[in-house]
């Protein structure tokens, strides 16, 4: 036949070889790997992983960094509050007394 090597076997020869082939006896390590017991739930929870695409992970990290930066730069001014009918109402500060702290270890 044109286009076939002389080394190729026919379907009948392959069928005879397959019928004569004996499967190897599995080793103990192969048997242990195939039929091992599932890990406990607590171990699976500690070793679980979540796949996140790199662009999404980078965007989440960037958003977290921007949120942290925004929270650190906005000054936190305490507001006076009072309770009315069990609800907390905020009121503007009546008197503002700013205090300048110089030095690294100054007491607040």
C-alpha atoms as a PDB file:
ATOM      1  CA  UNK A   1       0.000   0.000   0.000  1.00  0.00           C
ATOM      2  CA  UNK A   2       1.207   3.468  -0.800  1.00  0.00           C
ATOM      3  CA  UNK A   3       1.875   5.818   2.096  1.00  0.00           C
ATOM      4  CA  UNK A   4       2.184   3.098   4.792  1.00  0.00           C
ATOM      5  CA  UNK A   5       5.419   2.021   6.453  1.00  0.00           C
ATOM      6  CA  UNK A   6       6.319  -1.646   6.576  1.00  0.00           C
ATOM      7  CA  UNK A   7       6.436  -1.401  10.408  1.00  0.00           C
ATOM      8  CA  UNK A   8       2.708  -0.720  10.756  1.00  0.00           C
ATOM      9  CA  UNK A   9       0.463  -3.526  11.968  1.00  0.00           C
ATOM     10  CA  UNK A  10      -2.930  -4.430  10.596  1.00  0.00           C
ATOM     11  CA  UNK A  11      -6.054  -4.396  12.711  1.00  0.00           C
ATOM     12  CA  UNK A  12      -6.013  -8.190  12.966  1.00  0.00           C
ATOM     13  CA  UNK A  13      -2.410  -8.205  14.204  1.00  0.00           C
ATOM     14  CA  UNK A  14      -3.214  -5.496  16.753  1.00  0.00           C
ATOM     15  CA  UNK A  15      -6.235  -7.483  17.977  1.00  0.00           C
ATOM     16  CA  UNK A  16      -4.046 -10.583  18.453  1.00  0.00           C
ATOM     17  CA  UNK A  17      -1.428  -8.603  20.370  1.00  0.00           C
ATOM     18  CA  UNK A  18      -4.085  -7.018  22.566  1.00  0.00           C
ATOM     19  CA  UNK A  19      -5.624 -10.399  23.369  1.00  0.00           C
ATOM     20  CA  UNK A  20      -2.213 -11.806  24.317  1.00  0.00           C
ATOM     21  CA  UNK A  21      -1.210  -8.813  26.468  1.00  0.00           C
ATOM     22  CA  UNK A  22      -1.298  -9.337  30.226  1.00  0.00           C
ATOM     23  CA  UNK A  23      -1.836  -6.335  32.466  1.00  0.00           C
ATOM     24  CA  UNK A  24       0.963  -5.772  34.977  1.00  0.00           C
ATOM     25  CA  UNK A  25       0.243  -6.345  38.661  1.00  0.00           C
ATOM     26  CA  UNK A  26      -0.194  -2.967  40.361  1.00  0.00           C
ATOM     27  CA  UNK A  27       2.393  -2.031  42.952  1.00  0.00           C
ATOM     28  CA  UNK A  28       1.494  -1.231  46.552  1.00  0.00           C
ATOM     29  CA  UNK A  29       2.193   2.481  46.033  1.00  0.00           C
ATOM     30  CA  UNK A  30      -0.072   2.574  42.962  1.00  0.00           C
ATOM     31  CA  UNK A  31      -2.840   0.813  44.872  1.00  0.00           C
ATOM     32  CA  UNK A  32      -2.456   3.200  47.830  1.00  0.00           C
ATOM     33  CA  UNK A  33      -2.581   6.249  45.575  1.00  0.00           C
ATOM     34  CA  UNK A  34      -5.644   4.976  43.721  1.00  0.00           C
ATOM     35  CA  UNK A  35      -7.707   3.850  46.711  1.00  0.00           C
ATOM     36  CA  UNK A  36      -6.645   6.295  49.413  1.00  0.00           C
ATOM     37  CA  UNK A  37      -9.178   7.625  51.893  1.00  0.00           C
ATOM     38  CA  UNK A  38     -10.305  11.223  51.455  1.00  0.00           C
ATOM     39  CA  UNK A  39      -8.684  13.751  53.777  1.00  0.00           C
ATOM     40  CA  UNK A  40     -10.706  15.018  56.759  1.00  0.00           C
ATOM     41  CA  UNK A  41     -12.897  18.065  56.148  1.00  0.00           C
ATOM     42  CA  UNK A  42     -10.802  20.308  58.390  1.00  0.00           C
ATOM     43  CA  UNK A  43      -7.641  19.455  56.445  1.00  0.00           C
ATOM     44  CA  UNK A  44      -9.365  20.058  53.105  1.00  0.00           C
ATOM     45  CA  UNK A  45     -10.577  23.441  54.369  1.00  0.00           C
ATOM     46  CA  UNK A  46      -7.039  24.494  55.372  1.00  0.00           C
ATOM     47  CA  UNK A  47      -5.511  23.324  52.089  1.00  0.00           C
ATOM     48  CA  UNK A  48      -8.276  24.521  49.751  1.00  0.00           C
ATOM     49  CA  UNK A  49      -7.469  27.070  47.104  1.00  0.00           C
ATOM     50  CA  UNK A  50      -9.483  29.561  45.104  1.00  0.00           C
ATOM     51  CA  UNK A  51      -8.364  30.375  41.601  1.00  0.00           C
ATOM     52  CA  UNK A  52      -8.490  34.086  40.772  1.00  0.00           C
ATOM     53  CA  UNK A  53      -7.298  35.496  37.440  1.00  0.00           C
ATOM     54  CA  UNK A  54      -4.243  37.721  37.837  1.00  0.00           C
ATOM     55  CA  UNK A  55      -5.936  40.899  36.491  1.00  0.00           C
ATOM     56  CA  UNK A  56      -8.808  40.467  38.971  1.00  0.00           C
ATOM     57  CA  UNK A  57      -6.390  39.844  41.862  1.00  0.00           C
ATOM     58  CA  UNK A  58      -4.376  42.926  40.880  1.00  0.00           C
ATOM     59  CA  UNK A  59      -7.548  45.042  40.734  1.00  0.00           C
ATOM     60  CA  UNK A  60      -8.659  43.796  44.173  1.00  0.00           C
ATOM     61  CA  UNK A  61      -5.246  44.551  45.670  1.00  0.00           C
ATOM     62  CA  UNK A  62      -5.284  48.015  44.094  1.00  0.00           C
ATOM     63  CA  UNK A  63      -8.782  48.715  45.452  1.00  0.00           C
ATOM     64  CA  UNK A  64      -7.753  47.538  48.923  1.00  0.00           C
ATOM     65  CA  UNK A  65      -4.653  49.773  48.828  1.00  0.00           C
ATOM     66  CA  UNK A  66      -6.698  52.767  47.676  1.00  0.00           C
ATOM     67  CA  UNK A  67      -9.288  52.130  50.390  1.00  0.00           C
ATOM     68  CA  UNK A  68      -6.592  51.915  53.043  1.00  0.00           C
ATOM     69  CA  UNK A  69      -4.953  55.098  51.734  1.00  0.00           C
ATOM     70  CA  UNK A  70      -8.306  56.912  51.694  1.00  0.00           C
ATOM     71  CA  UNK A  71      -9.109  55.794  55.249  1.00  0.00           C
ATOM     72  CA  UNK A  72      -5.693  56.967  56.491  1.00  0.00           C
ATOM     73  CA  UNK A  73      -5.817  60.396  54.871  1.00  0.00           C
ATOM     74  CA  UNK A  74      -9.327  61.429  55.937  1.00  0.00           C
ATOM     75  CA  UNK A  75      -9.121  63.101  59.347  1.00  0.00           C
ATOM     76  CA  UNK A  76     -11.348  61.557  61.970  1.00  0.00           C
ATOM     77  CA  UNK A  77     -13.084  64.330  63.892  1.00  0.00           C
ATOM     78  CA  UNK A  78     -15.053  63.207  66.932  1.00  0.00           C
ATOM     79  CA  UNK A  79     -18.610  64.471  66.967  1.00  0.00           C
ATOM     80  CA  UNK A  80     -20.743  65.088  70.029  1.00  0.00           C
ATOM     81  CA  UNK A  81     -23.783  62.868  70.299  1.00  0.00           C
ATOM     82  CA  UNK A  82     -26.873  62.532  72.431  1.00  0.00           C
ATOM     83  CA  UNK A  83     -29.660  60.027  72.800  1.00  0.00           C
ATOM     84  CA  UNK A  84     -33.196  60.929  71.855  1.00  0.00           C
ATOM     85  CA  UNK A  85     -35.871  58.262  72.239  1.00  0.00           C
ATOM     86  CA  UNK A  86     -33.208  55.573  72.354  1.00  0.00           C
ATOM     87  CA  UNK A  87     -31.603  56.724  69.100  1.00  0.00           C
ATOM     88  CA  UNK A  88     -28.131  58.187  68.851  1.00  0.00           C
ATOM     89  CA  UNK A  89     -28.134  61.634  67.202  1.00  0.00           C
ATOM     90  CA  UNK A  90     -24.974  63.437  66.161  1.00  0.00           C
ATOM     91  CA  UNK A  91     -24.573  67.120  66.944  1.00  0.00           C
ATOM     92  CA  UNK A  92     -21.955  69.575  65.760  1.00  0.00           C
ATOM     93  CA  UNK A  93     -19.110  70.236  68.175  1.00  0.00           C
ATOM     94  CA  UNK A  94     -19.816  73.364  70.236  1.00  0.00           C
ATOM     95  CA  UNK A  95     -16.195  74.208  70.948  1.00  0.00           C
ATOM     96  CA  UNK A  96     -13.136  73.059  69.058  1.00  0.00           C
ATOM     97  CA  UNK A  97      -9.854  72.969  70.979  1.00  0.00           C
ATOM     98  CA  UNK A  98      -7.084  71.802  68.639  1.00  0.00           C
ATOM     99  CA  UNK A  99      -3.869  70.554  70.220  1.00  0.00           C
ATOM    100  CA  UNK A 100      -0.537  70.398  68.411  1.00  0.00           C
ATOM    101  CA  UNK A 101       1.570  67.404  69.354  1.00  0.00           C
ATOM    102  CA  UNK A 102       5.249  67.673  68.619  1.00  0.00           C
ATOM    103  CA  UNK A 103       7.635  64.783  68.934  1.00  0.00           C
ATOM    104  CA  UNK A 104       7.267  61.117  68.358  1.00  0.00           C
ATOM    105  CA  UNK A 105       6.519  59.913  71.887  1.00  0.00           C
ATOM    106  CA  UNK A 106       4.271  62.744  73.068  1.00  0.00           C
ATOM    107  CA  UNK A 107       1.296  61.690  75.148  1.00  0.00           C
ATOM    108  CA  UNK A 108      -2.117  62.352  73.635  1.00  0.00           C
END
